[in-house]
Structures are given as C-alpha cells and as structure tokens.
Protein backbone atom coordinates (compact mmCIF):
# COMPACT_ATOMS: atom_id res chain seq x y z
CA MET A 1 -37.66 13.30 4.22
CA PRO A 2 -37.32 11.90 7.79
CA GLU A 3 -34.98 13.72 10.13
CA ALA A 4 -32.93 10.61 10.98
CA LEU A 5 -31.43 9.20 7.82
CA HIS A 6 -29.15 6.88 9.79
CA PRO A 7 -31.27 4.54 11.90
CA SER A 8 -28.10 2.88 13.19
CA THR A 9 -25.35 4.58 15.17
CA HIS A 10 -22.81 2.35 13.46
CA PRO A 11 -21.10 3.18 10.17
CA PRO A 12 -21.53 0.84 7.21
CA LEU A 13 -19.42 -2.27 7.57
CA PRO A 14 -16.45 -2.05 5.19
CA PRO A 15 -16.05 -4.64 2.44
CA THR A 16 -14.20 -7.75 3.55
CA THR A 17 -13.98 -9.58 0.21
CA GLU A 18 -13.17 -8.61 -3.36
CA ASP A 19 -16.82 -9.16 -4.31
CA ASP A 20 -17.85 -6.68 -1.62
CA GLN A 21 -15.29 -4.17 -2.90
CA VAL A 22 -16.75 -4.56 -6.39
CA LEU A 23 -20.21 -3.71 -5.04
CA TRP A 24 -18.94 -0.57 -3.28
CA LEU A 25 -17.07 0.51 -6.40
CA ARG A 26 -20.13 -0.05 -8.58
CA LEU A 27 -22.34 1.98 -6.25
CA LEU A 28 -19.91 4.88 -5.83
CA ARG A 29 -19.01 5.06 -9.53
CA SER A 30 -22.62 4.95 -10.71
CA ARG A 31 -23.95 8.09 -12.36
CA ARG A 32 -25.39 10.77 -10.06
CA VAL A 33 -24.17 8.95 -6.94
CA GLY A 34 -22.00 11.27 -4.90
CA ILE A 35 -20.65 10.75 -1.41
CA ALA A 36 -23.84 11.87 0.35
CA THR A 37 -26.03 9.63 -1.80
CA PHE A 38 -23.65 6.69 -1.38
CA PHE A 39 -23.88 6.73 2.42
CA ARG A 40 -27.59 7.47 2.43
CA LEU A 41 -28.33 4.50 0.15
CA LEU A 42 -26.17 2.18 2.27
CA SER A 43 -27.97 3.35 5.39
CA GLU A 44 -31.46 3.05 3.93
CA ARG A 45 -30.95 -0.20 1.98
CA GLY A 46 -28.59 -1.97 4.35
CA SER A 47 -26.03 -3.10 1.77
CA ALA A 48 -24.37 -2.02 -1.47
CA ALA A 49 -26.05 -4.89 -3.31
CA ALA A 50 -29.51 -3.76 -2.21
CA ALA A 51 -28.67 -0.13 -3.01
CA LEU A 52 -27.54 -1.06 -6.53
CA ALA A 53 -30.74 -3.00 -7.11
CA ALA A 54 -32.85 -0.03 -6.03
CA LEU A 55 -30.83 2.66 -7.80
CA PRO A 56 -32.51 2.49 -11.25
CA ASP A 57 -35.97 2.95 -9.69
CA ILE A 58 -34.70 5.81 -7.52
CA ALA A 59 -33.16 7.49 -10.55
CA ARG A 60 -36.37 7.04 -12.54
CA GLU A 61 -38.35 8.74 -9.75
CA ALA A 62 -35.84 11.61 -9.93
CA GLY A 63 -36.48 11.94 -13.66
CA VAL A 64 -33.18 10.38 -14.76
CA GLU A 65 -33.85 7.98 -17.63
CA PRO A 66 -32.43 5.81 -19.01
CA TYR A 67 -30.23 4.87 -16.08
CA HIS A 68 -27.59 2.15 -15.83
CA THR A 69 -25.41 1.40 -12.81
CA PHE A 70 -21.65 1.11 -13.10
CA SER A 71 -20.88 -2.33 -14.50
CA GLU A 72 -19.26 -5.19 -12.63
CA GLU A 73 -16.72 -5.56 -15.45
CA ALA A 74 -15.59 -1.95 -15.08
CA ALA A 75 -15.33 -2.26 -11.29
CA ARG A 76 -13.23 -5.43 -11.53
CA ALA A 77 -11.05 -3.75 -14.16
CA GLU A 78 -10.37 -0.91 -11.73
CA LEU A 79 -9.40 -3.37 -9.00
CA ALA A 80 -7.12 -5.17 -11.45
CA ARG A 81 -5.43 -1.92 -12.47
CA GLY A 82 -4.89 -1.09 -8.82
CA ALA A 83 -3.25 -4.46 -8.22
CA GLU A 84 -1.01 -4.04 -11.28
CA THR A 85 0.30 -0.69 -10.04
CA GLY A 86 0.76 -1.81 -6.44
CA ALA A 87 -2.11 0.33 -5.13
CA THR A 88 -4.29 -0.56 -2.15
CA LEU A 89 -7.99 0.24 -1.78
CA LEU A 90 -8.94 1.67 1.62
CA CYS A 91 -12.62 1.55 2.51
CA TYR A 92 -14.49 3.78 4.95
CA GLY A 93 -14.68 2.04 8.34
CA ALA A 94 -11.67 -0.22 7.78
CA PRO A 95 -8.80 -0.11 10.34
CA GLU A 96 -6.40 1.35 7.74
CA TYR A 97 -8.76 4.20 6.80
CA PRO A 98 -7.37 7.56 8.07
CA GLN A 99 -9.01 8.55 11.32
CA ALA A 100 -8.74 12.25 10.49
CA LEU A 101 -11.15 11.97 7.57
CA TYR A 102 -14.00 10.80 9.80
CA ASP A 103 -14.31 14.44 10.89
CA LEU A 104 -15.31 15.50 7.38
CA SER A 105 -18.93 15.96 6.35
CA ASP A 106 -18.08 14.22 3.08
CA PRO A 107 -15.42 11.56 3.82
CA PRO A 108 -14.44 9.55 0.73
CA PRO A 109 -16.00 6.07 0.88
CA LEU A 110 -12.99 4.69 -1.03
CA LEU A 111 -9.35 5.75 -1.24
CA TRP A 112 -6.59 4.42 -3.47
CA VAL A 113 -3.11 4.57 -1.91
CA ARG A 114 0.41 3.62 -2.97
CA GLY A 115 3.18 3.48 -0.41
CA ASP A 116 3.46 3.48 3.38
CA VAL A 117 -0.09 3.37 4.75
CA SER A 118 1.17 3.80 8.32
CA LEU A 119 1.80 7.48 7.54
CA LEU A 120 -1.97 8.01 7.61
CA HIS A 121 -1.94 7.30 11.34
CA ARG A 122 0.73 9.83 12.29
CA THR A 123 0.02 13.50 12.92
CA GLY A 124 -0.11 15.37 9.63
CA ILE A 125 0.59 19.00 8.74
CA GLY A 126 -0.61 20.31 5.38
CA MET A 127 1.44 22.71 3.30
CA VAL A 128 0.22 24.45 0.15
CA GLY A 129 1.11 27.52 -1.87
CA ALA A 130 1.85 29.09 -5.20
CA ARG A 131 2.84 27.02 -8.22
CA ASN A 132 4.97 29.93 -9.44
CA ALA A 133 6.70 30.23 -6.10
CA SER A 134 9.54 32.66 -5.59
CA SER A 135 13.00 31.50 -4.58
CA LEU A 136 12.33 32.74 -1.04
CA GLY A 137 8.99 30.94 -0.93
CA GLY A 138 10.60 27.68 -2.01
CA ARG A 139 13.35 27.99 0.61
CA THR A 140 10.79 28.79 3.30
CA ALA A 141 8.69 25.75 2.39
CA ARG A 142 11.74 23.48 2.42
CA MET A 143 12.88 24.81 5.77
CA LEU A 144 9.48 24.38 7.41
CA ALA A 145 8.82 20.95 5.90
CA SER A 146 12.27 19.67 6.83
CA GLU A 147 12.15 20.82 10.45
CA LEU A 148 8.54 19.73 11.04
CA SER A 149 9.09 16.30 9.52
CA GLU A 150 12.20 15.84 11.64
CA GLN A 151 9.93 16.39 14.65
CA GLY A 152 7.88 13.38 13.57
CA HIS A 153 5.07 15.08 11.65
CA VAL A 154 3.98 13.93 8.21
CA ILE A 155 3.94 16.72 5.59
CA ILE A 156 0.87 16.60 3.35
CA SER A 157 0.60 18.43 0.04
CA GLY A 158 -0.71 18.10 -3.51
CA LEU A 159 2.34 17.30 -5.70
CA ALA A 160 1.87 20.53 -7.66
CA ARG A 161 4.71 22.71 -8.92
CA GLY A 162 6.26 25.25 -6.60
CA ILE A 163 5.52 25.09 -2.88
CA ASP A 164 4.04 21.57 -2.99
CA THR A 165 7.14 20.17 -4.67
CA SER A 166 9.46 21.90 -2.20
CA ALA A 167 7.47 20.55 0.76
CA HIS A 168 7.51 16.96 -0.52
CA LEU A 169 11.22 16.99 -1.34
CA ALA A 170 12.20 18.35 2.07
CA SER A 171 10.11 15.80 3.99
CA LEU A 172 10.61 12.76 1.75
CA ASP A 173 12.94 10.89 4.12
CA ASN A 174 10.86 11.52 7.25
CA GLY A 175 7.30 11.18 5.95
CA THR A 176 5.24 12.87 3.26
CA ILE A 177 1.82 12.27 1.68
CA ALA A 178 0.90 13.51 -1.80
CA VAL A 179 -2.83 13.84 -2.43
CA LEU A 180 -3.58 13.59 -6.15
CA ALA A 181 -6.44 15.16 -8.10
CA GLY A 182 -6.54 12.31 -10.61
CA GLY A 183 -6.01 8.59 -10.27
CA VAL A 184 -3.25 7.48 -7.94
CA ASP A 185 -1.49 6.04 -11.00
CA VAL A 186 -1.73 9.28 -13.05
CA ILE A 187 0.95 11.81 -12.14
CA TYR A 188 0.26 15.51 -12.72
CA PRO A 189 2.27 17.50 -13.52
CA SER A 190 4.35 15.00 -15.51
CA GLU A 191 7.57 16.75 -14.48
CA ASN A 192 7.02 15.37 -10.96
CA ALA A 193 6.94 11.75 -12.13
CA HIS A 194 10.31 10.99 -10.53
CA LEU A 195 9.28 12.67 -7.28
CA ALA A 196 6.02 10.70 -7.27
CA LYS A 197 7.97 7.46 -7.69
CA ASP A 198 10.15 8.37 -4.72
CA ILE A 199 7.07 9.21 -2.65
CA SER A 200 5.45 5.86 -3.52
CA GLN A 201 8.59 4.16 -2.15
CA LYS A 202 9.27 6.32 0.91
CA GLY A 203 6.00 8.13 1.54
CA LEU A 204 2.41 7.75 0.33
CA LEU A 205 0.40 8.68 -2.77
CA LEU A 206 -3.36 9.01 -2.14
CA SER A 207 -6.46 9.73 -4.23
CA GLU A 208 -10.22 9.28 -4.03
CA GLN A 209 -10.49 9.25 -7.83
CA PRO A 210 -10.74 6.10 -9.99
CA MET A 211 -7.58 4.43 -11.21
CA GLY A 212 -6.43 5.81 -14.55
CA LEU A 213 -8.40 9.06 -14.32
CA SER A 214 -6.62 12.14 -15.67
CA PRO A 215 -7.23 15.16 -13.42
CA GLN A 216 -9.68 17.82 -14.55
CA ALA A 217 -10.27 21.31 -13.18
CA ARG A 218 -13.19 20.30 -10.98
CA HIS A 219 -11.11 17.60 -9.25
CA PHE A 220 -8.60 20.00 -7.69
CA PRO A 221 -10.93 21.64 -5.11
CA ARG A 222 -11.99 18.16 -4.00
CA ARG A 223 -8.34 17.14 -3.74
CA ASN A 224 -7.66 20.24 -1.65
CA ARG A 225 -10.28 19.34 0.96
CA LEU A 226 -8.43 16.05 1.58
CA ILE A 227 -5.11 17.83 2.09
CA SER A 228 -6.65 19.93 4.84
CA GLY A 229 -8.80 17.07 6.13
CA LEU A 230 -5.81 14.80 6.69
CA SER A 231 -3.95 17.58 8.52
CA MET A 232 -4.30 18.92 12.04
CA GLY A 233 -3.07 22.26 10.70
CA LEU A 234 -2.53 23.85 7.29
CA ILE A 235 0.38 26.14 6.40
CA VAL A 236 0.00 28.46 3.40
CA VAL A 237 3.26 29.66 1.85
CA GLU A 238 2.76 32.22 -0.93
CA ALA A 239 -0.77 32.31 -2.35
CA ALA A 240 -2.53 34.79 -4.57
CA ALA A 241 -5.78 36.42 -3.47
CA LYS A 242 -7.72 34.07 -5.77
CA SER A 243 -6.09 30.66 -5.69
CA GLY A 244 -6.64 27.03 -4.93
CA SER A 245 -4.55 27.47 -1.79
CA LEU A 246 -7.16 29.82 -0.33
CA ILE A 247 -9.89 27.26 -1.12
CA THR A 248 -7.83 24.76 0.85
CA ALA A 249 -7.52 27.25 3.71
CA ARG A 250 -11.27 27.81 3.71
CA ASN A 251 -11.79 24.04 3.77
CA ALA A 252 -9.43 23.80 6.72
CA LEU A 253 -11.43 26.39 8.65
CA ASP A 254 -14.70 24.62 7.84
CA GLN A 255 -13.15 21.34 9.01
CA GLY A 256 -11.98 22.84 12.29
CA ARG A 257 -8.28 22.74 11.40
CA GLU A 258 -5.74 25.38 12.33
CA VAL A 259 -4.73 27.72 9.52
CA LEU A 260 -1.25 29.24 9.52
CA ALA A 261 0.33 31.52 6.93
CA VAL A 262 3.77 32.85 6.06
CA PRO A 263 3.61 36.65 5.58
CA GLY A 264 5.00 38.32 2.47
CA HIS A 265 5.70 41.70 0.97
CA PRO A 266 2.47 43.73 0.60
CA PHE A 267 3.25 44.49 -3.05
CA ASP A 268 3.94 40.86 -4.02
CA ALA A 269 0.80 39.34 -5.56
CA ARG A 270 2.04 35.88 -4.58
CA ALA A 271 1.81 36.88 -0.91
CA SER A 272 -1.53 38.68 -1.02
CA GLY A 273 -3.53 35.59 -0.07
CA CYS A 274 -1.29 34.81 2.90
CA ASN A 275 -1.47 38.40 4.11
CA MET A 276 -5.27 38.29 3.83
CA LEU A 277 -5.38 35.09 5.88
CA ILE A 278 -3.24 36.65 8.62
CA ARG A 279 -5.43 39.77 8.58
CA ASP A 280 -8.47 37.52 9.06
CA GLY A 281 -6.99 35.62 12.02
CA ALA A 282 -4.63 32.95 10.69
CA THR A 283 -1.51 32.33 12.77
CA LEU A 284 1.55 34.16 11.45
CA VAL A 285 4.44 31.76 10.78
CA ARG A 286 8.07 32.89 11.04
CA SER A 287 9.61 29.49 11.77
CA ALA A 288 8.81 25.87 12.52
CA ALA A 289 8.72 26.82 16.20
CA ASP A 290 5.64 28.98 15.56
CA VAL A 291 3.90 26.00 13.95
CA LEU A 292 4.83 23.58 16.72
CA GLU A 293 3.67 26.02 19.41
CA THR A 294 0.31 26.53 17.71
CA LEU A 295 -0.33 22.84 17.08
CA ALA A 296 1.07 21.50 20.36
CA PRO A 297 -2.36 21.30 22.08
CA LEU A 298 -3.65 19.19 19.16
CA VAL A 299 -0.91 16.54 19.23
CA PRO A 300 -2.00 13.29 20.93
CA ALA A 301 -0.46 12.84 24.36
CA ALA A 302 0.95 9.39 23.63
CA PRO A 303 1.10 6.83 20.81
CA GLU A 304 -0.80 4.36 22.99
CA LEU A 305 -3.71 6.81 23.28
CA GLN A 306 -3.78 7.36 19.53
CA SER A 307 -3.82 3.59 18.99
CA GLU A 308 -6.80 3.26 21.32
CA LEU A 309 -8.64 6.10 19.60
CA SER A 310 -8.14 4.48 16.19
CA LEU A 311 -10.25 1.57 17.40
CA ASP A 312 -13.27 3.78 18.08
CA ILE A 313 -16.20 3.29 15.75
CA PRO A 314 -16.45 6.45 13.65
CA PRO A 315 -19.82 8.17 13.37
CA PRO A 316 -21.63 7.95 10.06
CA PRO A 317 -21.43 11.13 7.96
CA PRO A 318 -24.57 13.28 8.06
CA GLN A 319 -26.81 13.00 4.99
CA THR A 320 -29.89 15.09 4.29
CA ARG A 321 -31.01 14.97 0.65
CA GLY A 322 -32.07 12.48 -1.98
CA LEU A 323 -31.17 12.40 -5.67
CA ALA A 324 -34.20 14.37 -6.84
CA GLU A 325 -33.89 17.04 -4.12
CA THR A 326 -30.16 17.45 -4.70
CA ALA A 327 -30.52 17.79 -8.49
CA ALA A 328 -33.39 20.26 -8.15
CA LEU A 329 -31.59 22.44 -5.60
CA HIS A 330 -28.39 22.49 -7.66
CA GLN A 331 -30.39 23.58 -10.70
CA GLN A 332 -32.22 26.31 -8.76
CA ILE A 333 -28.92 27.75 -7.52
CA LEU A 334 -27.11 27.57 -10.87
CA SER A 335 -30.06 29.12 -12.70
CA ARG A 336 -29.83 32.19 -10.45
CA LEU A 337 -26.08 32.66 -10.84
CA GLY A 338 -24.08 34.01 -13.76
CA PRO A 339 -20.78 35.77 -14.45
CA SER A 340 -21.92 38.84 -12.47
CA PRO A 341 -21.35 38.42 -8.70
CA LEU A 342 -24.44 37.86 -6.55
CA PRO A 343 -24.38 38.23 -2.75
CA GLU A 344 -24.85 34.93 -0.98
CA ASP A 345 -27.48 36.35 1.36
CA GLN A 346 -29.45 37.61 -1.64
CA LEU A 347 -29.35 34.14 -3.21
CA ILE A 348 -30.63 32.60 0.02
CA ARG A 349 -33.48 35.12 0.16
CA ASP A 350 -34.35 34.40 -3.49
CA LEU A 351 -34.50 30.67 -2.79
CA ALA A 352 -36.64 31.23 0.33
CA GLN A 353 -34.85 28.45 2.19
CA PRO A 354 -32.92 28.40 5.48
CA ALA A 355 -29.26 29.39 5.25
CA ALA A 356 -28.34 26.14 7.03
CA ALA A 357 -29.86 24.19 4.13
CA ILE A 358 -28.25 26.25 1.36
CA GLY A 359 -24.75 26.59 2.84
CA PRO A 360 -23.68 22.92 2.43
CA VAL A 361 -25.05 22.87 -1.14
CA LEU A 362 -22.95 25.92 -2.06
CA VAL A 363 -19.89 24.12 -0.70
CA GLU A 364 -20.72 21.08 -2.86
CA LEU A 365 -21.05 23.25 -5.98
CA GLU A 366 -17.82 25.08 -5.16
CA LEU A 367 -15.97 21.78 -4.69
CA ASP A 368 -17.40 20.60 -8.02
CA GLY A 369 -15.99 23.73 -9.65
CA LYS A 370 -19.45 24.94 -10.73
CA ILE A 371 -19.42 28.17 -8.71
CA SER A 372 -16.76 30.41 -7.22
CA ARG A 373 -16.85 32.51 -4.08
CA ALA A 374 -15.17 35.91 -3.81
CA ALA A 375 -14.54 38.22 -0.89
CA GLY A 376 -17.63 39.63 0.78
CA GLY A 377 -19.75 36.53 0.13
CA MET A 378 -20.13 37.19 -3.60
CA LEU A 379 -20.99 34.16 -5.75
CA THR A 380 -20.53 33.65 -9.49
CA LYS A 381 -21.26 30.76 -11.84
CA GLU A 382 -18.03 29.20 -13.06
CA LEU A 383 -17.94 29.00 -16.84
CA GLU A 384 -14.39 27.81 -17.35
CA ASN A 385 -12.07 26.43 -14.69
CA GLN A 386 -8.32 26.08 -14.53
CA PRO A 387 -6.49 23.53 -12.33
CA HIS A 388 -5.30 24.73 -8.93
C-alpha cells in the first residue's frame, strides 16, 4: 500500500443534495465498509458514486463473494424515516458537523441529530458513571452538571440509567447532548423516553447509527467514544473497575481529552474505577470549581475566535488499510485470543508486526466489542457482551 492514502489535503466534499446523501448512505451502510474504508474509498475514487461502482470488485479481490452494496431504496427509506421523526443528517465536512470530532482518528462520516444543533458548537463536558448509582453519586452528578451548565458548558452523556440520567436532567434547561447507541429515534432504556423527548426539544439527541436501529452490545463502546470525543473533558462519577465508563475514560485519554474523576469510598465497588483513574493521574473532582480550573486553559478565548476556527478546513482522517488487509489482520488477532488473558506485548510478538500497526487494530476490535482489555495490558476474546 502507498504511504499517502490521501493525495489531497482537503477532506471529501460533503453532500449538497439528497441524491448525494443517498450515495454516502449507500457507501457507509454497505457490508464490510467501516469508517476507515469509507474515507479511503472516497479519497482513492474521488466520489461516493465511483466508490460504490468499484466496491463489488474490491470485495471480490478480498475474497468476499457474493457482494451487494446497500440499496438505493434502503438509503432513501432511511432519509424518509429521518424526515418523519424530525431528525437532521450531518455529514463530515459540512458547517454544522461538530468541530470536536475532527480530532478523532475515526470521525463518523454521518450523524443523525434531533434538537438544537447549535449545542454542538459550544464547549462540551462529558459526564458518565454507574447505571446503579448511589444516592450520593446521583446528587453529585446533578450538582456538577447544574453548575457547569450554568457556566455555559454543554453537558454530554449517554442517556443511560443512573449518572447519565442525573446529568441530563440537571443540565436540560442550559444545554445537554445525549449520545445514543442505537438509532436517534430508538430510545434505550425505554424508561427514559420522556427525558429523551425533553432533550429533543431543549437539547440534542445524536447518533451515528442508522435510523430505527435497536442498540446492541457492540454499539455502546462506539457510542462512548463520541461522548468523550465531543467533550473537552470527561468527568467520571461512580464507575466499577470493569465498566463502560472506564472504556470512555480510556477513549478520552487516547483522544487527548482531560479525564477527571470523583473519588469514592475504597470499599465501594461503584467507586473503584474512579479511584483507579485518580491513582493513574486523573484530576480529582470535589466541586465544579475543580472542573472549571482544570479545563480553563482549553476554553476558547472568545466566541469570535471559535467562529473563525469553525471555518477551517478539517484534515482528512488517517487511513492505512484496505478491506483484505483489515479482514486478515482481524482474523489473525482473534484466532490468537481466547477467554484466557494474553499480554498485549506477547500478541504483538506473535504477530511479528510493529506495535504501531497493531495498536489501532486492537482499538477497533475493542470498540466493536470483539475483545476486552484488562489491567496490565491483558487481552481476551469477548464471547458475550452486555450493554454499557
């Protein structure tokens, strides 16, 4: 493969017509086309139409037969469903697309949103934590979310039970974004349907998943990376040692975001993850003042400056592998992993490839819910996942 997969320094031009949106949807929803492949095909072929035309031959070369691209009828049906529910499709490179996501190595090419899109262009603070939150944890989340949102920051969370719900409720009147694991029109858990309706009217619901898709276990880690990606800092309030909240915190670190954590009692399992984060260098949070002090250097100096920055042309996301290479590498990794933990460095030695090449692939598999990572760099193959 050539070193430069993006001959142009400009990102792909976003769709400007419904027909163009249909082409992007068809390409992204086609089988075996992930985010990396989507951008690589656009870069190499010049347009979604050309990429779609070439995709069956590319898949055949990768040993995937028979292969059919996502149909035009299905793509137009998704657009129609979005229109019926009042959702808006945001495309990578468009002015409305959130600037913060351009920092990600895997920015979603398409986002469905319902609500106040302007919230995407204000400074965001993520807040996640236990679904079975304690009374103290819920009060802490409400206090932090309320005070931070009153200072003009948008509170971003995942609409889950517990800490997420408390954060959304406390920031609803001043600005909150709920990132969903399923379609933006599918509310999970169902008990938060009323809250989701309020957020769609006062805040913003957001998802990269197709309209109408019910969330599955593998979707939650991908949802979590968007919570941290949209935020300049992530606050963790009550999290177990092995939880989706810690995956979100790890994403935040990988994305260059600040990670902050509320400490808890050492014997409370719901606080063990937060205490571990603080031990490993996360900022200890006692009040909203601690958060504001930590994030102050990251807040834009003036709204005018932020407006100017939003006009900058974002860089294209880095891409490195084709369909055949990606499938083969995934298979090599999964074939070497099982329920017994294997050290990551041992896996890299077994594969006889550079760590820089294997690391991003492990992140992809972890986001897909196919592997899990434990303390000390131990990897296991995920046999059965539960939502986080």
